Amino acid sequence: MEFAFYLSGLVAVLATLGVISNLNPVHGVLYLVVSLVAVAMVFFALGAPFAGALEIIVYAGAIMVLFVFVVMMLNLGQAAVAQERAWLRPRTWLGPSLLAAVLLLTLIGTLWLGDGGMLVQGEILRARQVGIILFGPWLLVVELSALLLLAALVTASHVGRQRQQSPDSTANREVS
């Protein structure tokens, strides 16, 4: 299991680097799916199959379908590629690189001291308990988050249609 944990962690890191450095938004979303599945595998390797299954169903399934839908609706062109190239300058990477270095040093320190094998104390949370909590006292929060996702989808649809109509409307104004 330890080998699976480290290998899945490596795949998650590499896939996330693919998300960050890819210029094509659809390819970036596909790398993000791989990254989320790798994180789910980390959960499976740690002995948390319910968390791994939720990761796959919720993130790699539902949220990624929403992302792909939004990317297809926005139909980003060459202007988006130029903006991505501007964001990939080394100056932009300085802050995240420093934070990643701190995390890497923390990981190396944990492995070096031998604290990596310690278990987290607590009770095992089963699927039924999560359902009772989510649809009991937190029902309103679950419904509000669903409405928020719906509002984001409607906004993305509206923004996508505005961008498609903008060049035509300016061309019609110049002709008149």
C-alpha atoms as a PDB file:
ATOM      1  CA  MET A   1       0.000   0.000   0.000  1.00  0.00           C
ATOM      2  CA  GLU A   2       2.887   2.338   0.666  1.00  0.00           C
ATOM      3  CA  PHE A   3       4.094   1.978  -2.918  1.00  0.00           C
ATOM      4  CA  ALA A   4       0.589   2.745  -4.220  1.00  0.00           C
ATOM      5  CA  PHE A   5       0.409   5.817  -2.006  1.00  0.00           C
ATOM      6  CA  TYR A   6       3.688   7.275  -3.252  1.00  0.00           C
ATOM      7  CA  LEU A   7       3.040   6.359  -6.877  1.00  0.00           C
ATOM      8  CA  SER A   8      -0.463   7.881  -6.775  1.00  0.00           C
ATOM      9  CA  GLY A   9       0.948  10.984  -5.114  1.00  0.00           C
ATOM     10  CA  LEU A  10       3.558  11.308  -7.855  1.00  0.00           C
ATOM     11  CA  VAL A  11       0.906  10.954 -10.559  1.00  0.00           C
ATOM     12  CA  ALA A  12      -1.239  13.589  -8.813  1.00  0.00           C
ATOM     13  CA  VAL A  13       1.673  16.036  -8.707  1.00  0.00           C
ATOM     14  CA  LEU A  14       2.632  15.444 -12.340  1.00  0.00           C
ATOM     15  CA  ALA A  15      -0.962  15.712 -13.539  1.00  0.00           C
ATOM     16  CA  THR A  16      -1.424  18.923 -11.582  1.00  0.00           C
ATOM     17  CA  LEU A  17       1.692  20.331 -13.238  1.00  0.00           C
ATOM     18  CA  GLY A  18       0.066  19.385 -16.545  1.00  0.00           C
ATOM     19  CA  VAL A  19      -3.044  21.345 -15.535  1.00  0.00           C
ATOM     20  CA  ILE A  20      -1.002  24.416 -14.679  1.00  0.00           C
ATOM     21  CA  SER A  21       1.319  24.420 -17.661  1.00  0.00           C
ATOM     22  CA  ASN A  22      -1.089  23.377 -20.431  1.00  0.00           C
ATOM     23  CA  LEU A  23      -2.237  26.073 -22.844  1.00  0.00           C
ATOM     24  CA  ASN A  24      -5.279  24.204 -24.142  1.00  0.00           C
ATOM     25  CA  PRO A  25      -8.161  24.450 -21.625  1.00  0.00           C
ATOM     26  CA  VAL A  26      -9.696  21.103 -22.604  1.00  0.00           C
ATOM     27  CA  HIS A  27      -6.359  19.334 -22.119  1.00  0.00           C
ATOM     28  CA  GLY A  28      -5.995  21.128 -18.778  1.00  0.00           C
ATOM     29  CA  VAL A  29      -9.379  19.807 -17.670  1.00  0.00           C
ATOM     30  CA  LEU A  30      -8.369  16.280 -18.689  1.00  0.00           C
ATOM     31  CA  TYR A  31      -5.167  16.582 -16.661  1.00  0.00           C
ATOM     32  CA  LEU A  32      -7.310  17.772 -13.755  1.00  0.00           C
ATOM     33  CA  VAL A  33      -9.445  14.619 -14.029  1.00  0.00           C
ATOM     34  CA  VAL A  34      -6.269  12.508 -13.864  1.00  0.00           C
ATOM     35  CA  SER A  35      -5.095  14.497 -10.854  1.00  0.00           C
ATOM     36  CA  LEU A  36      -8.399  14.019  -9.021  1.00  0.00           C
ATOM     37  CA  VAL A  37      -8.429  10.290  -9.744  1.00  0.00           C
ATOM     38  CA  ALA A  38      -4.852  10.070  -8.430  1.00  0.00           C
ATOM     39  CA  VAL A  39      -5.938  11.825  -5.231  1.00  0.00           C
ATOM     40  CA  ALA A  40      -8.761   9.292  -4.952  1.00  0.00           C
ATOM     41  CA  MET A  41      -6.153   6.540  -5.258  1.00  0.00           C
ATOM     42  CA  VAL A  42      -4.220   8.179  -2.421  1.00  0.00           C
ATOM     43  CA  PHE A  43      -7.368   7.929  -0.295  1.00  0.00           C
ATOM     44  CA  PHE A  44      -7.744   4.248  -1.234  1.00  0.00           C
ATOM     45  CA  ALA A  45      -4.096   3.594  -0.341  1.00  0.00           C
ATOM     46  CA  LEU A  46      -4.592   5.277   3.031  1.00  0.00           C
ATOM     47  CA  GLY A  47      -7.504   2.962   3.807  1.00  0.00           C
ATOM     48  CA  ALA A  48     -10.312   5.467   3.248  1.00  0.00           C
ATOM     49  CA  PRO A  49     -12.365   3.895   0.454  1.00  0.00           C
ATOM     50  CA  PHE A  50     -15.435   6.058   1.106  1.00  0.00           C
ATOM     51  CA  ALA A  51     -13.425   9.276   0.710  1.00  0.00           C
ATOM     52  CA  GLY A  52     -11.861   7.870  -2.475  1.00  0.00           C
ATOM     53  CA  ALA A  53     -15.247   6.960  -3.912  1.00  0.00           C
ATOM     54  CA  LEU A  54     -16.616  10.417  -3.083  1.00  0.00           C
ATOM     55  CA  GLU A  55     -13.581  11.987  -4.753  1.00  0.00           C
ATOM     56  CA  ILE A  56     -14.258  10.074  -7.957  1.00  0.00           C
ATOM     57  CA  ILE A  57     -18.033  10.540  -7.986  1.00  0.00           C
ATOM     58  CA  VAL A  58     -18.197  14.181  -6.953  1.00  0.00           C
ATOM     59  CA  TYR A  59     -15.025  15.736  -8.326  1.00  0.00           C
ATOM     60  CA  ALA A  60     -13.814  13.543 -11.187  1.00  0.00           C
ATOM     61  CA  GLY A  61     -17.393  12.903 -12.249  1.00  0.00           C
ATOM     62  CA  ALA A  62     -19.875  15.708 -11.698  1.00  0.00           C
ATOM     63  CA  ILE A  63     -17.629  18.751 -11.312  1.00  0.00           C
ATOM     64  CA  MET A  64     -15.439  17.797 -14.275  1.00  0.00           C
ATOM     65  CA  VAL A  65     -18.488  17.407 -16.514  1.00  0.00           C
ATOM     66  CA  LEU A  66     -19.464  20.933 -15.485  1.00  0.00           C
ATOM     67  CA  PHE A  67     -15.936  22.235 -16.256  1.00  0.00           C
ATOM     68  CA  VAL A  68     -15.905  20.594 -19.690  1.00  0.00           C
ATOM     69  CA  PHE A  69     -19.343  22.040 -20.421  1.00  0.00           C
ATOM     70  CA  VAL A  70     -18.217  25.559 -19.458  1.00  0.00           C
ATOM     71  CA  VAL A  71     -15.007  25.307 -21.500  1.00  0.00           C
ATOM     72  CA  MET A  72     -16.977  24.155 -24.535  1.00  0.00           C
ATOM     73  CA  MET A  73     -19.546  26.946 -24.104  1.00  0.00           C
ATOM     74  CA  LEU A  74     -16.970  29.717 -23.731  1.00  0.00           C
ATOM     75  CA  ASN A  75     -15.110  28.614 -26.880  1.00  0.00           C
ATOM     76  CA  LEU A  76     -11.877  30.352 -25.945  1.00  0.00           C
ATOM     77  CA  GLY A  77      -9.683  31.391 -28.874  1.00  0.00           C
ATOM     78  CA  GLN A  78      -6.170  32.684 -29.472  1.00  0.00           C
ATOM     79  CA  ALA A  79      -6.586  35.569 -27.002  1.00  0.00           C
ATOM     80  CA  ALA A  80      -6.889  33.049 -24.161  1.00  0.00           C
ATOM     81  CA  VAL A  81      -3.744  31.243 -25.335  1.00  0.00           C
ATOM     82  CA  ALA A  82      -1.824  34.559 -25.329  1.00  0.00           C
ATOM     83  CA  GLN A  83      -3.068  35.279 -21.792  1.00  0.00           C
ATOM     84  CA  GLU A  84      -1.969  31.807 -20.648  1.00  0.00           C
ATOM     85  CA  ARG A  85       1.514  32.404 -22.062  1.00  0.00           C
ATOM     86  CA  ALA A  86       1.696  35.675 -20.118  1.00  0.00           C
ATOM     87  CA  TRP A  87       0.732  33.835 -16.928  1.00  0.00           C
ATOM     88  CA  LEU A  88       3.467  31.229 -17.454  1.00  0.00           C
ATOM     89  CA  ARG A  89       6.334  33.706 -16.951  1.00  0.00           C
ATOM     90  CA  PRO A  90       8.831  32.699 -14.227  1.00  0.00           C
ATOM     91  CA  ARG A  91       7.925  35.751 -12.118  1.00  0.00           C
ATOM     92  CA  THR A  92       4.388  34.374 -11.803  1.00  0.00           C
ATOM     93  CA  TRP A  93       5.660  31.030 -10.532  1.00  0.00           C
ATOM     94  CA  LEU A  94       7.801  32.465  -7.685  1.00  0.00           C
ATOM     95  CA  GLY A  95       5.127  32.461  -4.951  1.00  0.00           C
ATOM     96  CA  PRO A  96       3.647  29.032  -5.680  1.00  0.00           C
ATOM     97  CA  SER A  97       7.162  27.585  -6.037  1.00  0.00           C
ATOM     98  CA  LEU A  98       8.139  28.875  -2.602  1.00  0.00           C
ATOM     99  CA  LEU A  99       4.981  27.408  -1.070  1.00  0.00           C
ATOM    100  CA  ALA A 100       5.606  24.073  -2.788  1.00  0.00           C
ATOM    101  CA  ALA A 101       9.201  24.113  -1.479  1.00  0.00           C
ATOM    102  CA  VAL A 102       7.904  24.609   2.065  1.00  0.00           C
ATOM    103  CA  LEU A 103       5.531  21.666   1.632  1.00  0.00           C
ATOM    104  CA  LEU A 104       8.337  19.535   0.186  1.00  0.00           C
ATOM    105  CA  LEU A 105      10.621  20.356   3.118  1.00  0.00           C
ATOM    106  CA  THR A 106       7.813  19.476   5.510  1.00  0.00           C
ATOM    107  CA  LEU A 107       7.294  16.135   3.749  1.00  0.00           C
ATOM    108  CA  ILE A 108      11.019  15.346   3.780  1.00  0.00           C
ATOM    109  CA  GLY A 109      11.235  16.280   7.467  1.00  0.00           C
ATOM    110  CA  THR A 110       8.266  14.067   8.301  1.00  0.00           C
ATOM    111  CA  LEU A 111       9.737  11.121   6.417  1.00  0.00           C
ATOM    112  CA  TRP A 112      13.206  11.673   7.885  1.00  0.00           C
ATOM    113  CA  LEU A 113      11.935  11.775  11.485  1.00  0.00           C
ATOM    114  CA  GLY A 114       9.836   8.654  10.958  1.00  0.00           C
ATOM    115  CA  ASP A 115       6.512  10.269  11.872  1.00  0.00           C
ATOM    116  CA  GLY A 116       4.969   9.245   8.546  1.00  0.00           C
ATOM    117  CA  GLY A 117       3.649   5.927   9.871  1.00  0.00           C
ATOM    118  CA  MET A 118       1.609   7.436  12.683  1.00  0.00           C
ATOM    119  CA  LEU A 119      -2.148   7.004  12.386  1.00  0.00           C
ATOM    120  CA  VAL A 120      -4.732   9.711  12.832  1.00  0.00           C
ATOM    121  CA  GLN A 121      -6.836   9.049  15.913  1.00  0.00           C
ATOM    122  CA  GLY A 122     -10.624   9.072  15.649  1.00  0.00           C
ATOM    123  CA  GLU A 123     -13.580   6.996  14.652  1.00  0.00           C
ATOM    124  CA  ILE A 124     -14.260   5.710  11.158  1.00  0.00           C
ATOM    125  CA  LEU A 125     -16.938   7.711   9.371  1.00  0.00           C
ATOM    126  CA  ARG A 126     -19.301   5.549   7.338  1.00  0.00           C
ATOM    127  CA  ALA A 127     -21.371   6.554   4.298  1.00  0.00           C
ATOM    128  CA  ARG A 128     -24.623   6.433   6.241  1.00  0.00           C
ATOM    129  CA  GLN A 129     -23.287   8.826   8.864  1.00  0.00           C
ATOM    130  CA  VAL A 130     -22.191  11.287   6.158  1.00  0.00           C
ATOM    131  CA  GLY A 131     -25.642  11.118   4.549  1.00  0.00           C
ATOM    132  CA  ILE A 132     -27.386  11.687   7.875  1.00  0.00           C
ATOM    133  CA  ILE A 133     -25.191  14.699   8.598  1.00  0.00           C
ATOM    134  CA  LEU A 134     -25.458  16.211   5.107  1.00  0.00           C
ATOM    135  CA  PHE A 135     -29.198  15.768   4.735  1.00  0.00           C
ATOM    136  CA  GLY A 136     -30.024  16.396   8.380  1.00  0.00           C
ATOM    137  CA  PRO A 137     -28.793  19.620   9.959  1.00  0.00           C
ATOM    138  CA  TRP A 138     -26.833  20.659   6.830  1.00  0.00           C
ATOM    139  CA  LEU A 139     -29.651  20.223   4.303  1.00  0.00           C
ATOM    140  CA  LEU A 140     -29.981  23.966   3.704  1.00  0.00           C
ATOM    141  CA  VAL A 141     -26.237  24.290   3.017  1.00  0.00           C
ATOM    142  CA  VAL A 142     -26.352  21.416   0.517  1.00  0.00           C
ATOM    143  CA  GLU A 143     -29.305  22.993  -1.290  1.00  0.00           C
ATOM    144  CA  LEU A 144     -27.648  26.446  -1.328  1.00  0.00           C
ATOM    145  CA  SER A 145     -24.446  25.003  -2.803  1.00  0.00           C
ATOM    146  CA  ALA A 146     -26.517  23.312  -5.528  1.00  0.00           C
ATOM    147  CA  LEU A 147     -28.157  26.663  -6.315  1.00  0.00           C
ATOM    148  CA  LEU A 148     -24.729  28.305  -6.400  1.00  0.00           C
ATOM    149  CA  LEU A 149     -23.501  25.744  -8.947  1.00  0.00           C
ATOM    150  CA  LEU A 150     -26.629  26.323 -11.032  1.00  0.00           C
ATOM    151  CA  ALA A 151     -26.047  30.096 -10.937  1.00  0.00           C
ATOM    152  CA  ALA A 152     -22.444  29.567 -12.068  1.00  0.00           C
ATOM    153  CA  LEU A 153     -23.633  27.434 -14.984  1.00  0.00           C
ATOM    154  CA  VAL A 154     -26.194  30.049 -16.069  1.00  0.00           C
ATOM    155  CA  THR A 155     -23.570  32.806 -15.770  1.00  0.00           C
ATOM    156  CA  ALA A 156     -21.079  30.834 -17.866  1.00  0.00           C
ATOM    157  CA  SER A 157     -23.757  30.317 -20.512  1.00  0.00           C
ATOM    158  CA  HIS A 158     -24.580  34.033 -20.532  1.00  0.00           C
ATOM    159  CA  VAL A 159     -20.920  35.103 -20.723  1.00  0.00           C
ATOM    160  CA  GLY A 160     -20.295  32.625 -23.528  1.00  0.00           C
ATOM    161  CA  ARG A 161     -23.150  34.020 -25.577  1.00  0.00           C
ATOM    162  CA  GLN A 162     -22.051  37.635 -24.995  1.00  0.00           C
ATOM    163  CA  ARG A 163     -18.536  36.937 -26.218  1.00  0.00           C
ATOM    164  CA  GLN A 164     -19.833  35.233 -29.345  1.00  0.00           C
ATOM    165  CA  GLN A 165     -22.121  38.181 -30.164  1.00  0.00           C
ATOM    166  CA  SER A 166     -19.630  40.964 -29.348  1.00  0.00           C
ATOM    167  CA  PRO A 167     -17.564  40.888 -32.588  1.00  0.00           C
ATOM    168  CA  ASP A 168     -20.704  40.805 -34.750  1.00  0.00           C
ATOM    169  CA  SER A 169     -22.378  43.702 -32.939  1.00  0.00           C
ATOM    170  CA  THR A 170     -19.259  45.920 -33.268  1.00  0.00           C
ATOM    171  CA  ALA A 171     -18.995  45.075 -36.960  1.00  0.00           C
ATOM    172  CA  ASN A 172     -22.652  46.026 -37.471  1.00  0.00           C
ATOM    173  CA  ARG A 173     -22.109  49.371 -35.741  1.00  0.00           C
ATOM    174  CA  GLU A 174     -19.144  50.246 -37.976  1.00  0.00           C
ATOM    175  CA  VAL A 175     -21.128  49.489 -41.150  1.00  0.00           C
ATOM    176  CA  SER A 176     -24.046  51.747 -40.154  1.00  0.00           C
END
